[in-house]
Amino acid sequence: MALFALPPELKLNVIEFLDPDSTLNFALTCRDHATLANSTLKEHGRLLSEWKVVDTTDVRTLLWRVLREVLIDPRQGWYIRELNLPATRQYNWNVNESLYGTHPNNGVGPSEEDKGLFIKAARNLRHLYPVTGTKTVLRQHPRSTEILPFPQLTIASIEDRIHRGFEDAIIILLLHYYPYLTTIRHTVVHQEECLETALWHIAHEYKNPMIAPMLPLKHLRTVAIAYYDTEGSVSPDWACYYLCIPSLKIFAAQGMGDSPSRQVQRSLFPNGAVPCSNVAELFLWDCRFDVDGLAVVLAAVRHLEKFTYHGGGSTVSETSSYQAKRVLEAVVTYAAHSLEELSLGQGYVDDDLGLDIPGPTVVSLRSFRKLRILDCEWSVLRPETEEEEEDLQHDEPLEEGFHRAEDDENTDTEFDVRTILPECIEELHLGGEFKVYEEWERLEDTFDTPSVSTPHLTMDKTCLQRSDSDRRIGDAESRGGAWSHPLAQLFEGHGY
């Protein structure tokens, strides 16, 4: 019998078993169905408003209690859209403190009956985490390199973590009971290896069309990962895991540094593999990647539309440096076909790392097909001469604050930055320091007349500003730093 032919009483019985999205789809089929589903939709709306976010800030919410509730009533998982995991959460119920300070809920843990319920739920996931071997995977850490079991042992690891009181096992289980989860905000603390290996397995199995329909995170769209301390960084391995989730559109990181581990690169992004990620925007704030490691991330994305990369200092990574021109070169290589907005900020320049690493003297952006907005420091675009590279390594202090006469000779009087910009550019923001004052004056003269190289760029969409004065070229308002970016709000209450 067709659905439309059912009596209203039977249709109401059907509606009672539908999740919120399915109920809405049912209501949209016709006016009668909308009338029948009206009260149910209102109840779904009320519960969605009440349970939308699981917020563990300051240990207000204990994840194991949330898991116990959803195991008893799985329908509660229908309404969860965001999982907020800052550093101030309870990350181990067997200790008397969370990461920062004391709280009445610190040290409060589940009963043995609750633990049994959690372990049973974990064992129900054996078909997704089969035991097939004892291989290992390397995990990079700012101070060490650890050997972790491959995800074939995930279920046993979850059970062990539950007995030892670590909440990363609880997070893994919750991911499977929140089918409509769209956002994860997570400050990574120490001892989250079990969660990391589970995410590796989920990322890897999304490449398997037989397993993918059974995996969690099908509706995940936004992930923000931060590091909990002022020194050190979270591994880019975490970025690799989430980039493999097909539904993900936005990935943001704060305090991420160095490169993905070779094992993660080989297993998730092997040589010759086509890009797999559907992410449209990457937002990297206070990060310091090795350029080759950043290239791994960029190469994994099919059609990147927006990219923001604001560099961190040596406290993030002592072995990597920003190397702005090489970063720009990597962006051109892997995202020139799709990128629409690009924002680069070198940030802290507090060491001499990377000065001896060969890089391009100038990077042309002419191959960008869709780039509309460019926001970066002048030094990223300005050509470097051999004399300047030598000066960087053998710089001598100047008396009375004056520059050498030969500095003027090294400045390319013929260089028009617009000749290396893409024809599609519509908005330009340049800032930072200028080698000599005459360089700024030449830039003013250059922008006095339009350029055939950038026919869509106008002065009302141009903002060139020196960092050491209030002089500006163009009428556009400054975009501000990375902290003014809308995605920076994802890190409120996160990081250090």
Protein backbone atom coordinates (compact mmCIF):
# COMPACT_ATOMS: atom_id res chain seq x y z
CA MET A 1 0.00 0.00 0.00
CA ALA A 2 1.32 3.46 -0.91
CA LEU A 3 2.12 5.91 1.89
CA PHE A 4 -0.50 8.39 0.67
CA ALA A 5 -3.17 5.68 0.92
CA LEU A 6 -2.56 4.95 4.61
CA PRO A 7 -5.13 6.19 7.12
CA PRO A 8 -4.06 9.16 9.29
CA GLU A 9 -3.71 6.96 12.39
CA LEU A 10 -1.09 4.77 10.72
CA LYS A 11 0.73 7.80 9.35
CA LEU A 12 0.96 9.21 12.88
CA ASN A 13 2.46 5.90 14.03
CA VAL A 14 5.06 6.19 11.26
CA ILE A 15 5.88 9.78 12.23
CA GLU A 16 6.62 8.72 15.82
CA PHE A 17 9.59 6.67 14.61
CA LEU A 18 11.08 9.34 12.34
CA ASP A 19 14.11 11.46 13.21
CA PRO A 20 13.81 15.28 12.86
CA ASP A 21 15.10 15.46 9.27
CA SER A 22 12.90 12.60 8.10
CA THR A 23 9.89 14.16 9.82
CA LEU A 24 10.48 17.44 8.00
CA ASN A 25 10.85 15.65 4.67
CA PHE A 26 7.59 13.81 5.35
CA ALA A 27 5.82 17.07 6.18
CA LEU A 28 6.98 18.65 2.94
CA THR A 29 5.38 15.97 0.76
CA CYS A 30 1.89 17.50 0.97
CA ARG A 31 -0.35 19.76 3.04
CA ASP A 32 -2.10 16.90 4.85
CA HIS A 33 1.23 15.44 5.94
CA ALA A 34 2.38 18.87 7.13
CA THR A 35 -0.72 19.11 9.31
CA LEU A 36 -0.20 15.62 10.74
CA ALA A 37 3.48 16.25 11.51
CA ASN A 38 3.05 19.75 12.92
CA SER A 39 3.08 18.88 16.63
CA THR A 40 5.93 16.39 16.19
CA LEU A 41 8.00 19.00 14.36
CA LYS A 42 7.44 21.46 17.21
CA GLU A 43 8.65 18.87 19.71
CA HIS A 44 11.71 18.13 17.58
CA GLY A 45 12.42 21.86 17.49
CA ARG A 46 12.17 22.16 21.27
CA LEU A 47 14.51 19.22 21.87
CA LEU A 48 16.96 20.46 19.25
CA SER A 49 17.13 23.83 20.99
CA GLU A 50 17.65 22.13 24.37
CA TRP A 51 20.23 19.49 23.38
CA LYS A 52 21.93 21.00 20.33
CA VAL A 53 25.35 21.49 21.95
CA VAL A 54 27.22 19.18 24.31
CA ASP A 55 29.45 21.70 26.11
CA THR A 56 32.06 20.31 28.52
CA THR A 57 33.57 23.70 29.43
CA ASP A 58 34.73 23.88 33.06
CA VAL A 59 33.53 20.30 33.62
CA ARG A 60 29.91 21.48 33.60
CA THR A 61 28.99 18.44 31.51
CA LEU A 62 30.54 15.01 32.07
CA LEU A 63 30.80 13.03 28.85
CA TRP A 64 30.30 9.65 30.48
CA ARG A 65 26.95 10.82 31.87
CA VAL A 66 25.96 12.03 28.41
CA LEU A 67 26.94 8.65 26.95
CA ARG A 68 24.92 6.79 29.58
CA GLU A 69 21.84 8.85 28.72
CA VAL A 70 22.16 8.30 24.96
CA LEU A 71 22.73 4.56 25.42
CA ILE A 72 19.49 4.37 27.41
CA ASP A 73 17.61 6.57 24.92
CA PRO A 74 19.42 6.67 21.53
CA ARG A 75 16.88 9.21 20.24
CA GLN A 76 18.67 11.90 22.24
CA GLY A 77 21.53 11.57 19.78
CA TRP A 78 19.25 12.83 17.00
CA TYR A 79 19.44 16.39 18.36
CA ILE A 80 23.15 16.82 19.02
CA ARG A 81 24.81 19.09 16.45
CA GLU A 82 27.97 20.27 18.24
CA LEU A 83 30.51 18.59 20.51
CA ASN A 84 32.59 21.16 22.41
CA LEU A 85 35.72 19.72 24.06
CA PRO A 86 37.90 22.50 25.55
CA ALA A 87 40.93 21.89 27.75
CA THR A 88 38.86 22.57 30.89
CA ARG A 89 36.79 19.41 30.47
CA GLN A 90 37.11 16.29 32.61
CA TYR A 91 39.54 14.19 30.61
CA ASN A 92 40.12 11.51 33.27
CA TRP A 93 37.64 10.72 36.01
CA ASN A 94 40.21 8.77 38.06
CA VAL A 95 42.15 11.94 38.91
CA ASN A 96 41.12 14.77 41.20
CA GLU A 97 41.66 17.59 38.75
CA SER A 98 40.87 18.52 35.21
CA LEU A 99 43.60 20.18 33.19
CA TYR A 100 43.07 23.57 34.85
CA GLY A 101 42.03 23.98 38.45
CA THR A 102 39.64 22.08 40.67
CA HIS A 103 35.91 21.64 40.28
CA PRO A 104 33.20 19.78 42.23
CA ASN A 105 32.79 17.34 39.34
CA ASN A 106 36.49 16.51 39.10
CA GLY A 107 37.14 12.92 40.06
CA VAL A 108 33.45 12.00 39.72
CA GLY A 109 33.31 8.82 37.66
CA PRO A 110 30.87 6.20 36.42
CA SER A 111 29.80 3.19 38.44
CA GLU A 112 30.93 -0.32 37.56
CA GLU A 113 27.47 -0.86 36.08
CA ASP A 114 27.93 2.18 33.85
CA LYS A 115 31.36 0.95 32.76
CA GLY A 116 29.82 -2.37 31.81
CA LEU A 117 27.22 -0.54 29.72
CA PHE A 118 29.97 1.40 27.93
CA ILE A 119 32.05 -1.70 27.25
CA LYS A 120 29.03 -3.50 25.83
CA ALA A 121 28.43 -0.54 23.50
CA ALA A 122 32.07 -0.70 22.40
CA ARG A 123 31.86 -4.42 21.65
CA ASN A 124 28.83 -3.77 19.46
CA LEU A 125 31.19 -1.86 17.15
CA ARG A 126 33.50 -4.81 16.50
CA HIS A 127 32.30 -5.10 12.91
CA LEU A 128 33.75 -1.62 12.27
CA TYR A 129 37.00 -2.20 14.16
CA PRO A 130 38.02 -5.81 13.45
CA VAL A 131 41.12 -7.37 14.96
CA THR A 132 43.20 -8.35 11.93
CA GLY A 133 46.80 -7.75 12.92
CA THR A 134 49.30 -6.12 15.25
CA LYS A 135 50.81 -3.43 13.03
CA THR A 136 51.88 -0.13 14.54
CA VAL A 137 51.68 3.51 13.56
CA LEU A 138 53.96 6.33 14.62
CA ARG A 139 52.46 9.37 16.32
CA GLN A 140 54.45 12.58 16.39
CA HIS A 141 54.58 14.57 19.61
CA PRO A 142 56.42 17.84 20.29
CA ARG A 143 58.77 16.08 22.69
CA SER A 144 58.73 12.45 21.61
CA THR A 145 57.67 9.91 19.04
CA GLU A 146 55.34 7.20 20.30
CA ILE A 147 54.41 3.83 18.86
CA LEU A 148 50.66 3.26 18.88
CA PRO A 149 48.68 0.14 18.03
CA PHE A 150 47.01 0.21 14.64
CA PRO A 151 43.21 0.62 14.88
CA GLN A 152 42.68 -3.14 14.52
CA LEU A 153 42.99 -3.16 18.32
CA THR A 154 40.65 -0.21 18.91
CA ILE A 155 37.91 -2.09 20.79
CA ALA A 156 40.37 -3.57 23.28
CA SER A 157 41.92 -0.11 23.67
CA ILE A 158 38.51 1.43 24.34
CA GLU A 159 37.82 -1.11 27.08
CA ASP A 160 41.23 -0.47 28.63
CA ARG A 161 40.73 3.30 28.53
CA ILE A 162 37.32 3.00 30.19
CA HIS A 163 38.84 1.01 33.06
CA ARG A 164 41.64 3.60 33.38
CA GLY A 165 39.22 6.52 33.36
CA PHE A 166 40.18 8.27 30.12
CA GLU A 167 37.36 10.11 28.37
CA ASP A 168 38.76 9.75 24.84
CA ALA A 169 37.13 6.30 24.80
CA ILE A 170 33.81 7.95 25.67
CA ILE A 171 34.24 10.44 22.82
CA ILE A 172 34.73 7.58 20.34
CA LEU A 173 31.48 5.95 21.42
CA LEU A 174 29.56 9.24 21.33
CA LEU A 175 30.60 9.80 17.71
CA HIS A 176 28.68 6.64 16.81
CA TYR A 177 25.53 7.78 18.67
CA TYR A 178 25.39 11.31 17.26
CA PRO A 179 24.31 10.62 13.66
CA TYR A 180 23.66 14.31 12.84
CA LEU A 181 26.74 15.82 14.46
CA THR A 182 27.92 18.78 12.34
CA THR A 183 30.60 20.49 14.47
CA ILE A 184 33.51 19.35 16.64
CA ARG A 185 35.55 21.88 18.63
CA HIS A 186 38.41 20.11 20.35
CA THR A 187 41.47 21.15 22.33
CA VAL A 188 43.86 18.20 22.20
CA VAL A 189 45.40 17.36 25.57
CA HIS A 190 47.87 14.62 26.38
CA GLN A 191 46.87 10.96 26.36
CA GLU A 192 44.28 10.93 23.58
CA GLU A 193 45.92 8.15 21.58
CA CYS A 194 42.84 5.92 21.59
CA LEU A 195 40.70 8.63 20.00
CA GLU A 196 43.45 9.39 17.51
CA THR A 197 43.74 5.79 16.36
CA ALA A 198 39.96 5.45 16.05
CA LEU A 199 39.83 8.56 13.88
CA TRP A 200 42.62 7.12 11.73
CA HIS A 201 40.56 3.98 11.21
CA ILE A 202 37.40 5.93 10.37
CA ALA A 203 39.37 8.06 7.89
CA HIS A 204 40.90 4.99 6.28
CA GLU A 205 37.63 3.07 6.04
CA TYR A 206 35.82 5.96 4.36
CA LYS A 207 37.79 4.89 1.29
CA ASN A 208 36.01 1.52 1.43
CA PRO A 209 32.57 1.78 -0.23
CA MET A 210 31.37 -1.34 1.60
CA ILE A 211 32.17 0.05 5.06
CA ALA A 212 31.62 3.80 4.55
CA PRO A 213 27.78 3.72 4.93
CA MET A 214 28.18 2.26 8.44
CA LEU A 215 30.71 4.82 9.68
CA PRO A 216 29.97 7.82 11.94
CA LEU A 217 30.42 11.54 11.11
CA LYS A 218 28.37 11.42 7.91
CA HIS A 219 27.06 14.96 8.50
CA LEU A 220 30.21 16.49 9.99
CA ARG A 221 30.88 19.87 8.36
CA THR A 222 33.13 21.86 10.70
CA VAL A 223 36.13 20.83 12.83
CA ALA A 224 38.33 23.10 14.94
CA ILE A 225 41.43 21.59 16.58
CA ALA A 226 43.58 23.49 19.12
CA TYR A 227 46.59 22.71 21.31
CA TYR A 228 46.32 22.96 25.08
CA ASP A 229 49.72 24.47 25.95
CA THR A 230 51.73 27.62 25.19
CA GLU A 231 54.66 25.51 23.96
CA GLY A 232 54.52 22.66 21.48
CA SER A 233 51.90 21.85 18.90
CA VAL A 234 49.24 19.40 17.85
CA SER A 235 50.27 17.07 15.04
CA PRO A 236 48.91 17.66 11.49
CA ASP A 237 47.94 13.99 11.63
CA TRP A 238 44.66 15.23 13.12
CA ALA A 239 44.07 17.34 10.02
CA CYS A 240 44.67 14.29 7.83
CA TYR A 241 42.09 12.22 9.72
CA TYR A 242 39.34 14.79 9.38
CA LEU A 243 40.13 15.73 5.78
CA CYS A 244 39.16 12.18 4.84
CA ILE A 245 35.60 12.65 6.14
CA PRO A 246 33.57 13.23 2.93
CA SER A 247 31.06 15.66 4.44
CA LEU A 248 33.65 18.01 6.00
CA LYS A 249 33.68 21.54 4.54
CA ILE A 250 35.64 23.60 7.09
CA PHE A 251 38.81 22.63 8.95
CA ALA A 252 40.42 25.05 11.41
CA ALA A 253 43.51 24.61 13.56
CA GLN A 254 45.27 26.63 16.25
CA GLY A 255 48.76 25.68 17.40
CA MET A 256 49.33 22.97 14.79
CA GLY A 257 52.89 22.42 13.62
CA ASP A 258 55.48 20.41 11.68
CA SER A 259 54.40 17.64 9.26
CA PRO A 260 52.04 14.67 9.24
CA SER A 261 53.78 11.43 10.19
CA ARG A 262 55.05 9.36 7.29
CA GLN A 263 52.84 6.44 8.31
CA VAL A 264 49.72 8.59 8.19
CA GLN A 265 50.78 10.07 4.85
CA ARG A 266 51.38 6.65 3.32
CA SER A 267 48.16 5.12 4.64
CA LEU A 268 45.75 8.00 3.94
CA PHE A 269 47.42 9.87 1.07
CA PRO A 270 49.67 7.40 -0.76
CA ASN A 271 51.77 8.53 -3.69
CA GLY A 272 49.74 8.82 -6.86
CA ALA A 273 46.40 8.96 -5.06
CA VAL A 274 43.89 11.54 -6.29
CA PRO A 275 42.73 14.24 -3.84
CA CYS A 276 39.99 12.90 -1.57
CA SER A 277 38.93 15.80 0.66
CA ASN A 278 35.83 17.91 0.03
CA VAL A 279 36.96 20.66 2.40
CA ALA A 280 36.23 24.13 1.02
CA GLU A 281 38.01 26.24 3.66
CA LEU A 282 41.22 25.80 5.65
CA PHE A 283 41.86 28.20 8.54
CA LEU A 284 45.28 27.80 10.18
CA TRP A 285 45.82 30.23 13.04
CA ASP A 286 49.07 30.53 15.00
CA CYS A 287 50.39 27.44 13.22
CA ARG A 288 53.84 26.58 11.92
CA PHE A 289 53.92 23.77 9.38
CA ASP A 290 56.91 22.36 7.62
CA VAL A 291 56.25 23.51 4.05
CA ASP A 292 56.41 19.96 2.69
CA GLY A 293 53.94 18.89 5.38
CA LEU A 294 51.60 21.73 4.46
CA ALA A 295 51.83 20.60 0.84
CA VAL A 296 50.57 17.15 1.90
CA VAL A 297 47.46 18.77 3.39
CA LEU A 298 46.85 21.04 0.40
CA ALA A 299 47.34 18.21 -2.08
CA ALA A 300 44.64 16.16 -0.36
CA VAL A 301 41.91 18.75 -1.02
CA ARG A 302 39.94 18.59 -4.26
CA HIS A 303 38.60 22.11 -4.59
CA LEU A 304 39.86 24.43 -1.86
CA GLU A 305 38.03 27.78 -2.00
CA LYS A 306 39.37 29.72 1.02
CA PHE A 307 42.76 29.44 2.71
CA THR A 308 44.02 31.40 5.72
CA TYR A 309 47.44 30.66 7.20
CA HIS A 310 48.71 32.85 10.04
CA GLY A 311 52.14 31.76 11.27
CA GLY A 312 53.11 30.97 14.84
CA GLY A 313 56.48 31.38 16.53
CA SER A 314 59.17 28.94 17.60
CA THR A 315 57.08 28.04 20.65
CA VAL A 316 54.80 26.21 18.21
CA SER A 317 57.64 24.46 16.40
CA GLU A 318 61.41 24.71 16.75
CA THR A 319 62.06 22.64 13.63
CA SER A 320 59.86 24.39 11.05
CA SER A 321 59.65 27.92 9.69
CA TYR A 322 56.98 29.79 7.76
CA GLN A 323 58.93 30.36 4.48
CA ALA A 324 56.22 32.52 2.96
CA LYS A 325 57.25 32.27 -0.69
CA ARG A 326 57.48 28.49 -0.54
CA VAL A 327 54.04 28.42 1.12
CA LEU A 328 52.68 30.56 -1.71
CA GLU A 329 54.31 28.26 -4.23
CA ALA A 330 52.58 25.24 -2.64
CA VAL A 331 49.21 27.02 -2.73
CA VAL A 332 49.68 27.80 -6.43
CA THR A 333 50.62 24.18 -7.14
CA TYR A 334 47.65 22.55 -5.41
CA ALA A 335 44.85 25.13 -5.32
CA ALA A 336 45.25 27.45 -8.32
CA HIS A 337 42.29 25.80 -10.07
CA SER A 338 39.76 26.53 -7.31
CA LEU A 339 40.96 29.03 -4.68
CA GLU A 340 38.86 32.20 -4.34
CA GLU A 341 40.25 33.80 -1.15
CA LEU A 342 43.83 33.69 0.14
CA SER A 343 45.16 35.23 3.36
CA LEU A 344 48.78 34.71 4.45
CA GLY A 345 50.43 36.21 7.53
CA GLN A 346 53.94 35.27 8.56
CA GLY A 347 53.33 36.30 12.16
CA TYR A 348 56.27 35.91 14.51
CA VAL A 349 59.74 36.13 12.97
CA ASP A 350 61.77 35.05 15.99
CA ASP A 351 64.45 32.77 14.55
CA ASP A 352 66.68 32.18 11.56
CA LEU A 353 65.19 28.86 10.53
CA GLY A 354 64.85 28.32 6.82
CA LEU A 355 67.22 31.05 5.65
CA ASP A 356 69.52 28.54 3.99
CA ILE A 357 66.68 26.61 2.38
CA PRO A 358 66.50 27.51 -1.32
CA GLY A 359 63.23 29.06 -2.38
CA PRO A 360 61.77 31.10 -5.24
CA THR A 361 62.77 34.75 -5.54
CA VAL A 362 59.28 35.60 -6.80
CA VAL A 363 56.08 33.58 -7.16
CA SER A 364 53.64 34.38 -9.95
CA LEU A 365 49.93 34.06 -9.18
CA ARG A 366 48.82 34.35 -12.79
CA SER A 367 47.73 30.69 -12.89
CA PHE A 368 44.94 31.24 -10.35
CA ARG A 369 41.63 30.88 -12.16
CA LYS A 370 39.15 32.10 -9.52
CA LEU A 371 41.13 34.08 -6.92
CA ARG A 372 39.09 37.18 -6.02
CA ILE A 373 40.65 38.28 -2.72
CA LEU A 374 44.33 38.34 -1.73
CA ASP A 375 45.51 39.46 1.71
CA CYS A 376 49.20 39.08 2.55
CA GLU A 377 52.39 40.88 3.48
CA TRP A 378 54.26 42.85 0.83
CA SER A 379 57.36 40.71 1.35
CA VAL A 380 55.47 37.62 0.16
CA LEU A 381 55.08 39.11 -3.33
CA ARG A 382 58.12 41.35 -3.60
CA PRO A 383 60.98 39.81 -5.63
CA GLU A 384 64.12 39.01 -3.69
CA THR A 385 67.52 39.64 -5.23
CA GLU A 386 70.66 37.63 -4.59
CA GLU A 387 72.11 40.63 -2.78
CA GLU A 388 69.15 40.72 -0.39
CA GLU A 389 69.44 37.01 0.38
CA GLU A 390 73.09 37.56 1.29
CA ASP A 391 72.14 40.56 3.44
CA LEU A 392 69.67 38.41 5.38
CA GLN A 393 72.54 36.17 6.47
CA HIS A 394 75.18 38.90 6.87
CA ASP A 395 73.17 41.86 8.04
CA GLU A 396 75.13 44.74 9.55
CA PRO A 397 73.61 47.38 11.83
CA LEU A 398 73.27 50.86 10.37
CA GLU A 399 74.16 54.05 12.18
CA GLU A 400 71.55 56.68 13.01
CA GLY A 401 68.83 54.47 11.51
CA PHE A 402 69.80 55.24 7.88
CA HIS A 403 69.82 52.70 5.05
CA ARG A 404 72.72 52.07 2.71
CA ALA A 405 72.73 53.76 -0.68
CA GLU A 406 73.03 50.40 -2.41
CA ASP A 407 69.64 49.41 -0.95
CA ASP A 408 68.03 51.75 -3.45
CA GLU A 409 69.97 50.10 -6.23
CA ASN A 410 68.64 46.68 -5.21
CA THR A 411 65.04 47.84 -5.39
CA ASP A 412 63.50 46.89 -8.71
CA THR A 413 62.17 50.14 -10.14
CA GLU A 414 60.41 48.29 -12.95
CA PHE A 415 58.47 45.85 -10.76
CA ASP A 416 54.70 46.22 -10.86
CA VAL A 417 53.14 43.75 -8.43
CA ARG A 418 49.97 43.59 -10.53
CA THR A 419 51.86 41.82 -13.31
CA ILE A 420 52.16 38.70 -11.11
CA LEU A 421 48.57 38.84 -9.83
CA PRO A 422 45.84 36.80 -11.52
CA GLU A 423 43.58 38.50 -14.01
CA CYS A 424 40.54 37.54 -11.90
CA ILE A 425 41.68 39.42 -8.76
CA GLU A 426 39.06 41.86 -7.42
CA GLU A 427 40.31 42.80 -3.96
CA LEU A 428 43.90 43.33 -2.75
CA HIS A 429 45.25 43.86 0.77
CA LEU A 430 49.00 44.25 1.32
CA GLY A 431 50.79 45.23 4.53
CA GLY A 432 53.97 44.71 6.48
CA GLU A 433 57.36 46.34 6.22
CA PHE A 434 59.05 47.91 3.21
CA LYS A 435 62.81 47.71 2.67
CA VAL A 436 63.22 51.42 1.99
CA TYR A 437 60.91 54.42 1.88
CA GLU A 438 61.53 54.85 -1.85
CA GLU A 439 59.97 51.43 -2.37
CA TRP A 440 56.72 52.68 -0.87
CA GLU A 441 56.81 55.79 -3.03
CA ARG A 442 57.27 53.71 -6.16
CA LEU A 443 54.29 51.61 -5.11
CA GLU A 444 52.21 54.78 -4.77
CA ASP A 445 53.26 55.85 -8.26
CA THR A 446 52.50 52.39 -9.65
CA PHE A 447 48.91 52.39 -8.37
CA ASP A 448 48.23 55.87 -9.74
CA THR A 449 47.24 54.23 -13.01
CA PRO A 450 45.20 51.06 -13.71
CA SER A 451 46.87 47.92 -15.02
CA VAL A 452 45.74 45.76 -17.91
CA SER A 453 47.01 42.77 -15.90
CA THR A 454 44.26 43.24 -13.28
CA PRO A 455 41.21 44.65 -15.08
CA HIS A 456 38.80 43.88 -12.20
CA LEU A 457 40.91 45.48 -9.44
CA THR A 458 39.79 48.98 -8.43
CA MET A 459 41.06 51.38 -5.78
CA ASP A 460 37.90 51.05 -3.70
CA LYS A 461 38.82 47.36 -3.29
CA THR A 462 42.52 48.02 -2.63
CA CYS A 463 44.21 48.55 0.74
CA LEU A 464 48.01 48.81 0.92
CA GLN A 465 49.27 49.87 4.33
CA ARG A 466 52.70 50.19 5.95
CA SER A 467 53.08 48.58 9.35
CA ASP A 468 55.19 51.52 10.61
CA SER A 469 52.86 54.36 9.62
CA ASP A 470 49.25 55.23 8.85
CA ARG A 471 49.89 55.92 5.16
CA ARG A 472 47.67 53.92 2.86
CA ILE A 473 47.06 53.29 -0.81
CA GLY A 474 43.48 52.57 -1.81
CA ASP A 475 40.08 53.14 -0.26
CA ALA A 476 39.21 49.68 1.08
CA GLU A 477 39.00 49.04 4.82
CA SER A 478 41.66 46.83 6.38
CA ARG A 479 40.55 43.23 6.88
CA GLY A 480 42.34 43.01 10.23
CA GLY A 481 44.35 40.04 11.42
CA ALA A 482 43.45 36.39 11.67
CA TRP A 483 41.77 37.08 15.03
CA SER A 484 39.09 39.11 13.23
CA HIS A 485 38.25 36.22 10.90
CA PRO A 486 34.76 34.75 11.52
CA LEU A 487 36.22 31.26 12.05
CA ALA A 488 38.37 32.54 14.93
CA GLN A 489 35.19 32.32 17.02
CA LEU A 490 35.48 28.54 16.84
CA PHE A 491 38.40 28.79 19.28
CA GLU A 492 36.61 30.76 22.00
CA GLY A 493 37.38 28.90 25.23
CA HIS A 494 39.95 26.70 23.48
CA GLY A 495 43.72 26.51 23.27
CA TYR A 496 45.85 27.81 26.13
